[in-house]
């Protein structure tokens, strides 16, 4: 289900078909990304629906700005415009304006040993 979501988000329709890859949308995406993410989120959530939602949120936090612009031409947008708009809004609300804002947020999320928790 998560793989289908990733593909619907990263596959464009119309003239730009096949020119946009999953790795173009999600920074650092590779074959191990989804299994690793599911494993991590499964240990942090109690049910399947919550785990799936958290995985999607983590992936959207790794999207490129270019990818979010292209989301309007994706299979997801063609099938469900409100779903694609929801993720665009989520992305804009969880984006850092600078490295210093990212570091400040990471430092605010420290564990008991004083180490930042970067998710």
PDB file of N, CA and C in Angstrom:
ATOM      1  N   UNK A   1       0.822  -1.196   0.000  1.00  0.00           N
ATOM      2  CA  UNK A   1       0.000   0.000   0.000  1.00  0.00           C
ATOM      3  C   UNK A   1       0.871   1.267   0.000  1.00  0.00           C
ATOM      4  N   UNK A   2       1.931   1.267   0.791  1.00  0.00           N
ATOM      5  CA  UNK A   2       2.833   2.420   0.834  1.00  0.00           C
ATOM      6  C   UNK A   2       3.558   2.578  -0.498  1.00  0.00           C
ATOM      7  N   UNK A   3       3.963   1.470  -1.098  1.00  0.00           N
ATOM      8  CA  UNK A   3       4.630   1.520  -2.404  1.00  0.00           C
ATOM      9  C   UNK A   3       3.694   2.115  -3.457  1.00  0.00           C
ATOM     10  N   UNK A   4       2.422   1.748  -3.435  1.00  0.00           N
ATOM     11  CA  UNK A   4       1.456   2.303  -4.381  1.00  0.00           C
ATOM     12  C   UNK A   4       1.283   3.799  -4.167  1.00  0.00           C
ATOM     13  N   UNK A   5       1.269   4.228  -2.914  1.00  0.00           N
ATOM     14  CA  UNK A   5       1.151   5.645  -2.598  1.00  0.00           C
ATOM     15  C   UNK A   5       2.353   6.411  -3.141  1.00  0.00           C
ATOM     16  N   UNK A   6       3.548   5.863  -2.928  1.00  0.00           N
ATOM     17  CA  UNK A   6       4.779   6.481  -3.426  1.00  0.00           C
ATOM     18  C   UNK A   6       4.722   6.603  -4.943  1.00  0.00           C
ATOM     19  N   UNK A   7       4.302   5.547  -5.612  1.00  0.00           N
ATOM     20  CA  UNK A   7       4.243   5.562  -7.066  1.00  0.00           C
ATOM     21  C   UNK A   7       3.191   6.534  -7.580  1.00  0.00           C
ATOM     22  N   UNK A   8       2.049   6.620  -6.915  1.00  0.00           N
ATOM     23  CA  UNK A   8       1.017   7.558  -7.364  1.00  0.00           C
ATOM     24  C   UNK A   8       1.459   9.004  -7.170  1.00  0.00           C
ATOM     25  N   UNK A   9       2.265   9.232  -6.166  1.00  0.00           N
ATOM     26  CA  UNK A   9       2.755  10.572  -5.889  1.00  0.00           C
ATOM     27  C   UNK A   9       3.879  10.972  -6.842  1.00  0.00           C
ATOM     28  N   UNK A  10       4.670  10.010  -7.264  1.00  0.00           N
ATOM     29  CA  UNK A  10       5.856  10.320  -8.062  1.00  0.00           C
ATOM     30  C   UNK A  10       5.682  10.082  -9.563  1.00  0.00           C
ATOM     31  N   UNK A  11       4.589   9.487  -9.978  1.00  0.00           N
ATOM     32  CA  UNK A  11       4.360   9.234 -11.393  1.00  0.00           C
ATOM     33  C   UNK A  11       3.529  10.360 -11.977  1.00  0.00           C
ATOM     34  N   UNK A  12       4.073  11.006 -12.994  1.00  0.00           N
ATOM     35  CA  UNK A  12       3.358  12.112 -13.630  1.00  0.00           C
ATOM     36  C   UNK A  12       2.516  11.596 -14.791  1.00  0.00           C
ATOM     37  N   UNK A  13       1.485  12.333 -15.103  1.00  0.00           N
ATOM     38  CA  UNK A  13       0.624  12.009 -16.248  1.00  0.00           C
ATOM     39  C   UNK A  13       0.731  13.145 -17.251  1.00  0.00           C
ATOM     40  N   UNK A  14       0.398  12.859 -18.478  1.00  0.00           N
ATOM     41  CA  UNK A  14       0.499  13.889 -19.505  1.00  0.00           C
ATOM     42  C   UNK A  14       1.836  13.838 -20.197  1.00  0.00           C
ATOM     43  N   UNK A  15       2.330  14.984 -20.625  1.00  0.00           N
ATOM     44  CA  UNK A  15       3.547  15.072 -21.416  1.00  0.00           C
ATOM     45  C   UNK A  15       4.809  14.708 -20.679  1.00  0.00           C
ATOM     46  N   UNK A  16       4.811  14.748 -19.359  1.00  0.00           N
ATOM     47  CA  UNK A  16       6.041  14.512 -18.606  1.00  0.00           C
ATOM     48  C   UNK A  16       6.185  13.076 -18.125  1.00  0.00           C
ATOM     49  N   UNK A  17       5.366  12.162 -18.635  1.00  0.00           N
ATOM     50  CA  UNK A  17       5.418  10.777 -18.173  1.00  0.00           C
ATOM     51  C   UNK A  17       6.816  10.187 -18.340  1.00  0.00           C
ATOM     52  N   UNK A  18       7.206   9.384 -17.391  1.00  0.00           N
ATOM     53  CA  UNK A  18       8.472   8.645 -17.369  1.00  0.00           C
ATOM     54  C   UNK A  18       9.712   9.526 -17.247  1.00  0.00           C
ATOM     55  N   UNK A  19       9.557  10.837 -17.154  1.00  0.00           N
ATOM     56  CA  UNK A  19      10.739  11.687 -17.017  1.00  0.00           C
ATOM     57  C   UNK A  19      11.032  11.994 -15.544  1.00  0.00           C
ATOM     58  N   UNK A  20      10.159  11.589 -14.670  1.00  0.00           N
ATOM     59  CA  UNK A  20      10.278  11.886 -13.253  1.00  0.00           C
ATOM     60  C   UNK A  20      10.318  10.579 -12.481  1.00  0.00           C
ATOM     61  N   UNK A  21      11.355  10.381 -11.688  1.00  0.00           N
ATOM     62  CA  UNK A  21      11.554   9.141 -10.946  1.00  0.00           C
ATOM     63  C   UNK A  21      11.235   9.345  -9.465  1.00  0.00           C
ATOM     64  N   UNK A  22      11.025   8.246  -8.755  1.00  0.00           N
ATOM     65  CA  UNK A  22      10.735   8.310  -7.324  1.00  0.00           C
ATOM     66  C   UNK A  22      11.856   9.043  -6.585  1.00  0.00           C
ATOM     67  N   UNK A  23      13.098   8.764  -6.949  1.00  0.00           N
ATOM     68  CA  UNK A  23      14.241   9.410  -6.291  1.00  0.00           C
ATOM     69  C   UNK A  23      14.294  10.913  -6.574  1.00  0.00           C
ATOM     70  N   UNK A  24      13.619  11.366  -7.629  1.00  0.00           N
ATOM     71  CA  UNK A  24      13.546  12.802  -7.906  1.00  0.00           C
ATOM     72  C   UNK A  24      12.609  13.501  -6.927  1.00  0.00           C
ATOM     73  N   UNK A  25      11.672  12.777  -6.405  1.00  0.00           N
ATOM     74  CA  UNK A  25      10.705  13.344  -5.460  1.00  0.00           C
ATOM     75  C   UNK A  25      11.199  13.238  -4.022  1.00  0.00           C
ATOM     76  N   UNK A  26      11.666  12.062  -3.643  1.00  0.00           N
ATOM     77  CA  UNK A  26      12.087  11.809  -2.267  1.00  0.00           C
ATOM     78  C   UNK A  26      13.613  11.763  -2.181  1.00  0.00           C
ATOM     79  N   UNK A  27      14.187  12.698  -1.470  1.00  0.00           N
ATOM     80  CA  UNK A  27      15.645  12.772  -1.330  1.00  0.00           C
ATOM     81  C   UNK A  27      16.176  11.507  -0.667  1.00  0.00           C
ATOM     82  N   UNK A  28      17.184  10.899  -1.270  1.00  0.00           N
ATOM     83  CA  UNK A  28      17.817   9.724  -0.695  1.00  0.00           C
ATOM     84  C   UNK A  28      17.054   8.428  -0.874  1.00  0.00           C
ATOM     85  N   UNK A  29      15.992   8.425  -1.683  1.00  0.00           N
ATOM     86  CA  UNK A  29      15.172   7.226  -1.857  1.00  0.00           C
ATOM     87  C   UNK A  29      15.962   6.125  -2.552  1.00  0.00           C
ATOM     88  N   UNK A  30      15.845   4.903  -2.022  1.00  0.00           N
ATOM     89  CA  UNK A  30      16.424   3.721  -2.666  1.00  0.00           C
ATOM     90  C   UNK A  30      15.568   2.512  -2.311  1.00  0.00           C
ATOM     91  N   UNK A  31      16.010   1.339  -2.694  1.00  0.00           N
ATOM     92  CA  UNK A  31      15.213   0.125  -2.473  1.00  0.00           C
ATOM     93  C   UNK A  31      14.974  -0.189  -0.996  1.00  0.00           C
ATOM     94  N   UNK A  32      15.823   0.312  -0.124  1.00  0.00           N
ATOM     95  CA  UNK A  32      15.688   0.035   1.305  1.00  0.00           C
ATOM     96  C   UNK A  32      14.860   1.079   2.052  1.00  0.00           C
ATOM     97  N   UNK A  33      14.488   2.137   1.396  1.00  0.00           N
ATOM     98  CA  UNK A  33      13.801   3.235   2.080  1.00  0.00           C
ATOM     99  C   UNK A  33      12.488   2.797   2.721  1.00  0.00           C
ATOM    100  N   UNK A  34      11.605   2.199   1.949  1.00  0.00           N
ATOM    101  CA  UNK A  34      10.293   1.827   2.495  1.00  0.00           C
ATOM    102  C   UNK A  34      10.380   0.740   3.557  1.00  0.00           C
ATOM    103  N   UNK A  35      11.121  -0.350   3.323  1.00  0.00           N
ATOM    104  CA  UNK A  35      11.217  -1.354   4.396  1.00  0.00           C
ATOM    105  C   UNK A  35      11.808  -0.793   5.691  1.00  0.00           C
ATOM    106  N   UNK A  36      12.820   0.045   5.573  1.00  0.00           N
ATOM    107  CA  UNK A  36      13.436   0.641   6.766  1.00  0.00           C
ATOM    108  C   UNK A  36      12.460   1.550   7.487  1.00  0.00           C
ATOM    109  N   UNK A  37      11.739   2.336   6.723  1.00  0.00           N
ATOM    110  CA  UNK A  37      10.776   3.264   7.305  1.00  0.00           C
ATOM    111  C   UNK A  37       9.638   2.515   7.995  1.00  0.00           C
ATOM    112  N   UNK A  38       9.124   1.494   7.350  1.00  0.00           N
ATOM    113  CA  UNK A  38       8.042   0.689   7.949  1.00  0.00           C
ATOM    114  C   UNK A  38       8.518   0.035   9.241  1.00  0.00           C
ATOM    115  N   UNK A  39       9.720  -0.495   9.235  1.00  0.00           N
ATOM    116  CA  UNK A  39      10.267  -1.125  10.436  1.00  0.00           C
ATOM    117  C   UNK A  39      10.366  -0.122  11.583  1.00  0.00           C
ATOM    118  N   UNK A  40      10.883   1.061  11.296  1.00  0.00           N
ATOM    119  CA  UNK A  40      11.024   2.086  12.326  1.00  0.00           C
ATOM    120  C   UNK A  40       9.661   2.561  12.832  1.00  0.00           C
ATOM    121  N   UNK A  41       8.758   2.866  11.935  1.00  0.00           N
ATOM    122  CA  UNK A  41       7.446   3.390  12.335  1.00  0.00           C
ATOM    123  C   UNK A  41       6.587   2.326  12.996  1.00  0.00           C
ATOM    124  N   UNK A  42       6.780   1.066  12.620  1.00  0.00           N
ATOM    125  CA  UNK A  42       6.022  -0.016  13.240  1.00  0.00           C
ATOM    126  C   UNK A  42       6.359  -0.145  14.714  1.00  0.00           C
ATOM    127  N   UNK A  43       7.605   0.148  15.069  1.00  0.00           N
ATOM    128  CA  UNK A  43       8.006   0.054  16.470  1.00  0.00           C
ATOM    129  C   UNK A  43       7.532   1.268  17.276  1.00  0.00           C
ATOM    130  N   UNK A  44       7.147   2.339  16.588  1.00  0.00           N
ATOM    131  CA  UNK A  44       6.727   3.564  17.267  1.00  0.00           C
ATOM    132  C   UNK A  44       5.216   3.771  17.292  1.00  0.00           C
ATOM    133  N   UNK A  45       4.465   2.956  16.569  1.00  0.00           N
ATOM    134  CA  UNK A  45       3.017   3.118  16.505  1.00  0.00           C
ATOM    135  C   UNK A  45       2.328   1.825  16.924  1.00  0.00           C
ATOM    136  N   UNK A  46       1.041   1.943  17.230  1.00  0.00           N
ATOM    137  CA  UNK A  46       0.317   0.790  17.743  1.00  0.00           C
ATOM    138  C   UNK A  46      -0.543   0.078  16.709  1.00  0.00           C
ATOM    139  N   UNK A  47      -0.918   0.757  15.634  1.00  0.00           N
ATOM    140  CA  UNK A  47      -1.746   0.071  14.644  1.00  0.00           C
ATOM    141  C   UNK A  47      -1.300   0.402  13.222  1.00  0.00           C
ATOM    142  N   UNK A  48      -1.797  -0.373  12.292  1.00  0.00           N
ATOM    143  CA  UNK A  48      -1.378  -0.279  10.894  1.00  0.00           C
ATOM    144  C   UNK A  48      -1.674   1.094  10.295  1.00  0.00           C
ATOM    145  N   UNK A  49      -2.864   1.626  10.524  1.00  0.00           N
ATOM    146  CA  UNK A  49      -3.247   2.912   9.946  1.00  0.00           C
ATOM    147  C   UNK A  49      -2.332   4.035  10.436  1.00  0.00           C
ATOM    148  N   UNK A  50      -2.022   4.045  11.721  1.00  0.00           N
ATOM    149  CA  UNK A  50      -1.110   5.057  12.261  1.00  0.00           C
ATOM    150  C   UNK A  50       0.288   4.910  11.685  1.00  0.00           C
ATOM    151  N   UNK A  51       0.745   3.671  11.560  1.00  0.00           N
ATOM    152  CA  UNK A  51       2.067   3.418  11.002  1.00  0.00           C
ATOM    153  C   UNK A  51       2.143   3.902   9.559  1.00  0.00           C
ATOM    154  N   UNK A  52       1.129   3.611   8.774  1.00  0.00           N
ATOM    155  CA  UNK A  52       1.099   4.024   7.374  1.00  0.00           C
ATOM    156  C   UNK A  52       1.099   5.547   7.260  1.00  0.00           C
ATOM    157  N   UNK A  53       0.318   6.203   8.079  1.00  0.00           N
ATOM    158  CA  UNK A  53       0.253   7.669   8.067  1.00  0.00           C
ATOM    159  C   UNK A  53       1.601   8.284   8.458  1.00  0.00           C
ATOM    160  N   UNK A  54       2.239   7.742   9.486  1.00  0.00           N
ATOM    161  CA  UNK A  54       3.550   8.250   9.914  1.00  0.00           C
ATOM    162  C   UNK A  54       4.594   8.045   8.823  1.00  0.00           C
ATOM    163  N   UNK A  55       4.547   6.914   8.137  1.00  0.00           N
ATOM    164  CA  UNK A  55       5.480   6.668   7.036  1.00  0.00           C
ATOM    165  C   UNK A  55       5.293   7.709   5.938  1.00  0.00           C
ATOM    166  N   UNK A  56       4.062   7.994   5.601  1.00  0.00           N
ATOM    167  CA  UNK A  56       3.781   8.994   4.569  1.00  0.00           C
ATOM    168  C   UNK A  56       4.286  10.368   5.001  1.00  0.00           C
ATOM    169  N   UNK A  57       4.062  10.709   6.262  1.00  0.00           N
ATOM    170  CA  UNK A  57       4.529  12.008   6.769  1.00  0.00           C
ATOM    171  C   UNK A  57       6.049  12.109   6.681  1.00  0.00           C
ATOM    172  N   UNK A  58       6.748  11.049   7.070  1.00  0.00           N
ATOM    173  CA  UNK A  58       8.217  11.057   7.011  1.00  0.00           C
ATOM    174  C   UNK A  58       8.694  11.198   5.571  1.00  0.00           C
ATOM    175  N   UNK A  59       8.041  10.515   4.664  1.00  0.00           N
ATOM    176  CA  UNK A  59       8.422  10.618   3.260  1.00  0.00           C
ATOM    177  C   UNK A  59       8.180  12.024   2.718  1.00  0.00           C
ATOM    178  N   UNK A  60       7.053  12.612   3.053  1.00  0.00           N
ATOM    179  CA  UNK A  60       6.744  13.960   2.566  1.00  0.00           C
ATOM    180  C   UNK A  60       7.753  14.965   3.104  1.00  0.00           C
ATOM    181  N   UNK A  61       8.250  14.740   4.289  1.00  0.00           N
ATOM    182  CA  UNK A  61       9.275  15.635   4.834  1.00  0.00           C
ATOM    183  C   UNK A  61      10.580  15.552   4.043  1.00  0.00           C
ATOM    184  N   UNK A  62      10.747  14.513   3.247  1.00  0.00           N
ATOM    185  CA  UNK A  62      11.962  14.341   2.428  1.00  0.00           C
ATOM    186  C   UNK A  62      11.768  14.741   0.974  1.00  0.00           C
ATOM    187  N   UNK A  63      10.625  15.314   0.653  1.00  0.00           N
ATOM    188  CA  UNK A  63      10.368  15.649  -0.745  1.00  0.00           C
ATOM    189  C   UNK A  63      11.058  16.940  -1.149  1.00  0.00           C
ATOM    190  N   UNK A  64      11.393  16.993  -2.410  1.00  0.00           N
ATOM    191  CA  UNK A  64      11.998  18.204  -2.962  1.00  0.00           C
ATOM    192  C   UNK A  64      10.896  19.210  -3.282  1.00  0.00           C
ATOM    193  N   UNK A  65      11.264  20.481  -3.320  1.00  0.00           N
ATOM    194  CA  UNK A  65      10.286  21.509  -3.693  1.00  0.00           C
ATOM    195  C   UNK A  65       9.817  21.293  -5.126  1.00  0.00           C
ATOM    196  N   UNK A  66      10.741  20.906  -6.002  1.00  0.00           N
ATOM    197  CA  UNK A  66      10.394  20.616  -7.385  1.00  0.00           C
ATOM    198  C   UNK A  66       9.367  19.485  -7.449  1.00  0.00           C
ATOM    199  N   UNK A  67       9.571  18.479  -6.626  1.00  0.00           N
ATOM    200  CA  UNK A  67       8.640  17.362  -6.583  1.00  0.00           C
ATOM    201  C   UNK A  67       7.262  17.776  -6.128  1.00  0.00           C
ATOM    202  N   UNK A  68       7.200  18.683  -5.183  1.00  0.00           N
ATOM    203  CA  UNK A  68       5.890  19.142  -4.710  1.00  0.00           C
ATOM    204  C   UNK A  68       5.173  19.952  -5.787  1.00  0.00           C
ATOM    205  N   UNK A  69       5.919  20.678  -6.588  1.00  0.00           N
ATOM    206  CA  UNK A  69       5.304  21.410  -7.706  1.00  0.00           C
ATOM    207  C   UNK A  69       4.765  20.411  -8.730  1.00  0.00           C
ATOM    208  N   UNK A  70       5.540  19.375  -9.007  1.00  0.00           N
ATOM    209  CA  UNK A  70       5.123  18.358  -9.971  1.00  0.00           C
ATOM    210  C   UNK A  70       3.972  17.502  -9.466  1.00  0.00           C
ATOM    211  N   UNK A  71       3.711  17.551  -8.183  1.00  0.00           N
ATOM    212  CA  UNK A  71       2.627  16.759  -7.613  1.00  0.00           C
ATOM    213  C   UNK A  71       1.289  17.082  -8.279  1.00  0.00           C
ATOM    214  N   UNK A  72       1.131  18.305  -8.756  1.00  0.00           N
ATOM    215  CA  UNK A  72      -0.107  18.686  -9.443  1.00  0.00           C
ATOM    216  C   UNK A  72      -0.337  17.877 -10.718  1.00  0.00           C
ATOM    217  N   UNK A  73       0.741  17.338 -11.289  1.00  0.00           N
ATOM    218  CA  UNK A  73       0.645  16.539 -12.515  1.00  0.00           C
ATOM    219  C   UNK A  73       0.792  15.044 -12.254  1.00  0.00           C
ATOM    220  N   UNK A  74       0.650  14.646 -11.001  1.00  0.00           N
ATOM    221  CA  UNK A  74       0.846  13.241 -10.635  1.00  0.00           C
ATOM    222  C   UNK A  74      -0.432  12.418 -10.787  1.00  0.00           C
ATOM    223  N   UNK A  75      -0.253  11.101 -10.753  1.00  0.00           N
ATOM    224  CA  UNK A  75      -1.409  10.205 -10.755  1.00  0.00           C
ATOM    225  C   UNK A  75      -2.271  10.440  -9.519  1.00  0.00           C
ATOM    226  N   UNK A  76      -1.617  10.771  -8.401  1.00  0.00           N
ATOM    227  CA  UNK A  76      -2.369  11.039  -7.180  1.00  0.00           C
ATOM    228  C   UNK A  76      -3.319  12.214  -7.375  1.00  0.00           C
ATOM    229  N   UNK A  77      -2.809  13.293  -7.957  1.00  0.00           N
ATOM    230  CA  UNK A  77      -3.637  14.479  -8.173  1.00  0.00           C
ATOM    231  C   UNK A  77      -4.756  14.197  -9.164  1.00  0.00           C
ATOM    232  N   UNK A  78      -4.458  13.395 -10.190  1.00  0.00           N
ATOM    233  CA  UNK A  78      -5.476  13.055 -11.182  1.00  0.00           C
ATOM    234  C   UNK A  78      -6.601  12.236 -10.554  1.00  0.00           C
ATOM    235  N   UNK A  79      -6.251  11.363  -9.619  1.00  0.00           N
ATOM    236  CA  UNK A  79      -7.241  10.492  -8.977  1.00  0.00           C
ATOM    237  C   UNK A  79      -7.942  11.163  -7.807  1.00  0.00           C
ATOM    238  N   UNK A  80      -7.208  12.009  -7.079  1.00  0.00           N
ATOM    239  CA  UNK A  80      -7.767  12.604  -5.866  1.00  0.00           C
ATOM    240  C   UNK A  80      -7.041  13.922  -5.572  1.00  0.00           C
ATOM    241  N   UNK A  81      -7.525  14.989  -6.131  1.00  0.00           N
ATOM    242  CA  UNK A  81      -6.878  16.299  -6.001  1.00  0.00           C
ATOM    243  C   UNK A  81      -6.748  16.715  -4.534  1.00  0.00           C
ATOM    244  N   UNK A  82      -7.750  16.419  -3.708  1.00  0.00           N
ATOM    245  CA  UNK A  82      -7.685  16.832  -2.300  1.00  0.00           C
ATOM    246  C   UNK A  82      -6.565  16.102  -1.552  1.00  0.00           C
ATOM    247  N   UNK A  83      -6.288  14.860  -1.932  1.00  0.00           N
ATOM    248  CA  UNK A  83      -5.188  14.109  -1.310  1.00  0.00           C
ATOM    249  C   UNK A  83      -3.845  14.766  -1.637  1.00  0.00           C
ATOM    250  N   UNK A  84      -3.639  15.123  -2.888  1.00  0.00           N
ATOM    251  CA  UNK A  84      -2.370  15.752  -3.257  1.00  0.00           C
ATOM    252  C   UNK A  84      -2.246  17.126  -2.610  1.00  0.00           C
ATOM    253  N   UNK A  85      -3.328  17.871  -2.509  1.00  0.00           N
ATOM    254  CA  UNK A  85      -3.284  19.185  -1.859  1.00  0.00           C
ATOM    255  C   UNK A  85      -2.999  19.050  -0.366  1.00  0.00           C
ATOM    256  N   UNK A  86      -3.536  18.014   0.230  1.00  0.00           N
ATOM    257  CA  UNK A  86      -3.274  17.753   1.661  1.00  0.00           C
ATOM    258  C   UNK A  86      -1.773  17.581   1.903  1.00  0.00           C
ATOM    259  N   UNK A  87      -1.114  16.800   1.044  1.00  0.00           N
ATOM    260  CA  UNK A  87       0.307  16.556   1.231  1.00  0.00           C
ATOM    261  C   UNK A  87       1.149  17.778   0.891  1.00  0.00           C
ATOM    262  N   UNK A  88       0.695  18.581  -0.049  1.00  0.00           N
ATOM    263  CA  UNK A  88       1.404  19.830  -0.342  1.00  0.00           C
ATOM    264  C   UNK A  88       1.336  20.762   0.868  1.00  0.00           C
ATOM    265  N   UNK A  89       0.179  20.834   1.492  1.00  0.00           N
ATOM    266  CA  UNK A  89       0.018  21.657   2.688  1.00  0.00           C
ATOM    267  C   UNK A  89       0.883  21.120   3.823  1.00  0.00           C
ATOM    268  N   UNK A  90       0.868  19.815   4.031  1.00  0.00           N
ATOM    269  CA  UNK A  90       1.701  19.208   5.075  1.00  0.00           C
ATOM    270  C   UNK A  90       3.165  19.549   4.837  1.00  0.00           C
ATOM    271  N   UNK A  91       3.616  19.430   3.607  1.00  0.00           N
ATOM    272  CA  UNK A  91       5.015  19.721   3.259  1.00  0.00           C
ATOM    273  C   UNK A  91       5.358  21.172   3.574  1.00  0.00           C
ATOM    274  N   UNK A  92       4.492  22.084   3.205  1.00  0.00           N
ATOM    275  CA  UNK A  92       4.783  23.507   3.435  1.00  0.00           C
ATOM    276  C   UNK A  92       4.814  23.845   4.921  1.00  0.00           C
ATOM    277  N   UNK A  93       4.042  23.127   5.715  1.00  0.00           N
ATOM    278  CA  UNK A  93       4.012  23.376   7.158  1.00  0.00           C
ATOM    279  C   UNK A  93       5.203  22.745   7.878  1.00  0.00           C
ATOM    280  N   UNK A  94       5.878  21.780   7.256  1.00  0.00           N
ATOM    281  CA  UNK A  94       6.967  21.065   7.907  1.00  0.00           C
ATOM    282  C   UNK A  94       8.307  21.288   7.214  1.00  0.00           C
ATOM    283  N   UNK A  95       8.416  22.364   6.504  1.00  0.00           N
ATOM    284  CA  UNK A  95       9.653  22.683   5.789  1.00  0.00           C
ATOM    285  C   UNK A  95      10.437  23.697   6.600  1.00  0.00           C
ATOM    286  N   UNK A  96      11.737  23.570   6.563  1.00  0.00           N
ATOM    287  CA  UNK A  96      12.610  24.500   7.264  1.00  0.00           C
ATOM    288  C   UNK A  96      13.054  25.588   6.301  1.00  0.00           C
ATOM    289  N   UNK A  97      13.096  26.812   6.781  1.00  0.00           N
ATOM    290  CA  UNK A  97      13.499  27.934   5.943  1.00  0.00           C
ATOM    291  C   UNK A  97      15.015  28.060   5.823  1.00  0.00           C
ATOM    292  N   UNK A  98      15.745  27.464   6.768  1.00  0.00           N
ATOM    293  CA  UNK A  98      17.199  27.565   6.741  1.00  0.00           C
ATOM    294  C   UNK A  98      17.804  26.428   7.553  1.00  0.00           C
ATOM    295  N   UNK A  99      19.104  26.270   7.407  1.00  0.00           N
ATOM    296  CA  UNK A  99      19.804  25.252   8.184  1.00  0.00           C
ATOM    297  C   UNK A  99      19.713  25.556   9.671  1.00  0.00           C
ATOM    298  N   UNK A 100      19.781  26.838  10.024  1.00  0.00           N
ATOM    299  CA  UNK A 100      19.727  27.199  11.445  1.00  0.00           C
ATOM    300  C   UNK A 100      18.373  26.844  12.059  1.00  0.00           C
ATOM    301  N   UNK A 101      17.273  26.982  11.300  1.00  0.00           N
ATOM    302  CA  UNK A 101      15.965  26.612  11.857  1.00  0.00           C
ATOM    303  C   UNK A 101      15.857  25.103  12.018  1.00  0.00           C
ATOM    304  N   UNK A 102      16.480  24.350  11.097  1.00  0.00           N
ATOM    305  CA  UNK A 102      16.505  22.898  11.224  1.00  0.00           C
ATOM    306  C   UNK A 102      17.291  22.473  12.458  1.00  0.00           C
ATOM    307  N   UNK A 103      18.478  23.049  12.637  1.00  0.00           N
ATOM    308  CA  UNK A 103      19.323  22.705  13.774  1.00  0.00           C
ATOM    309  C   UNK A 103      18.637  23.085  15.085  1.00  0.00           C
ATOM    310  N   UNK A 104      18.018  24.263  15.127  1.00  0.00           N
ATOM    311  CA  UNK A 104      17.321  24.697  16.342  1.00  0.00           C
ATOM    312  C   UNK A 104      16.207  23.725  16.702  1.00  0.00           C
ATOM    313  N   UNK A 105      15.452  23.268  15.702  1.00  0.00           N
ATOM    314  CA  UNK A 105      14.377  22.315  15.953  1.00  0.00           C
ATOM    315  C   UNK A 105      14.944  20.968  16.398  1.00  0.00           C
ATOM    316  N   UNK A 106      16.020  20.514  15.754  1.00  0.00           N
ATOM    317  CA  UNK A 106      16.642  19.241  16.123  1.00  0.00           C
ATOM    318  C   UNK A 106      17.167  19.291  17.553  1.00  0.00           C
ATOM    319  N   UNK A 107      17.764  20.400  17.934  1.00  0.00           N
ATOM    320  CA  UNK A 107      18.288  20.525  19.290  1.00  0.00           C
ATOM    321  C   UNK A 107      17.173  20.594  20.329  1.00  0.00           C
ATOM    322  N   UNK A 108      16.043  21.118  19.935  1.00  0.00           N
ATOM    323  CA  UNK A 108      14.900  21.169  20.855  1.00  0.00           C
ATOM    324  C   UNK A 108      14.352  19.769  21.126  1.00  0.00           C
ATOM    325  N   UNK A 109      14.614  18.846  20.213  1.00  0.00           N
ATOM    326  CA  UNK A 109      14.147  17.464  20.356  1.00  0.00           C
ATOM    327  C   UNK A 109      15.304  16.587  20.806  1.00  0.00           C
ATOM    328  N   UNK A 110      15.810  16.810  21.967  1.00  0.00           N
ATOM    329  CA  UNK A 110      16.940  16.030  22.465  1.00  0.00           C
ATOM    330  C   UNK A 110      16.470  14.888  23.352  1.00  0.00           C
ATOM    331  N   UNK A 111      17.240  13.827  23.370  1.00  0.00           N
ATOM    332  CA  UNK A 111      16.910  12.712  24.255  1.00  0.00           C
ATOM    333  C   UNK A 111      17.548  12.938  25.630  1.00  0.00           C
ATOM    334  N   UNK A 112      17.425  11.982  26.503  1.00  0.00           N
ATOM    335  CA  UNK A 112      17.932  12.121  27.867  1.00  0.00           C
ATOM    336  C   UNK A 112      19.441  12.246  27.930  1.00  0.00           C
ATOM    337  N   UNK A 113      20.141  11.798  26.905  1.00  0.00           N
ATOM    338  CA  UNK A 113      21.594  11.884  26.876  1.00  0.00           C
ATOM    339  C   UNK A 113      22.059  13.196  26.247  1.00  0.00           C
ATOM    340  N   UNK A 114      21.117  14.047  25.859  1.00  0.00           N
ATOM    341  CA  UNK A 114      21.479  15.322  25.259  1.00  0.00           C
ATOM    342  C   UNK A 114      21.785  15.229  23.771  1.00  0.00           C
ATOM    343  N   UNK A 115      21.417  14.096  23.143  1.00  0.00           N
ATOM    344  CA  UNK A 115      21.659  13.930  21.726  1.00  0.00           C
ATOM    345  C   UNK A 115      20.401  14.297  20.937  1.00  0.00           C
ATOM    346  N   UNK A 116      20.550  15.056  19.854  1.00  0.00           N
ATOM    347  CA  UNK A 116      19.364  15.429  19.078  1.00  0.00           C
ATOM    348  C   UNK A 116      18.746  14.212  18.416  1.00  0.00           C
ATOM    349  N   UNK A 117      17.443  14.192  18.366  1.00  0.00           N
ATOM    350  CA  UNK A 117      16.697  13.116  17.701  1.00  0.00           C
ATOM    351  C   UNK A 117      16.251  13.627  16.348  1.00  0.00           C
ATOM    352  N   UNK A 118      16.964  13.260  15.312  1.00  0.00           N
ATOM    353  CA  UNK A 118      16.621  13.684  13.962  1.00  0.00           C
ATOM    354  C   UNK A 118      15.890  12.554  13.298  1.00  0.00           C
ATOM    355  N   UNK A 119      14.640  12.795  12.959  1.00  0.00           N
ATOM    356  CA  UNK A 119      13.800  11.762  12.349  1.00  0.00           C
ATOM    357  C   UNK A 119      13.757  11.966  10.884  1.00  0.00           C
TER     358      UNK A 119
END
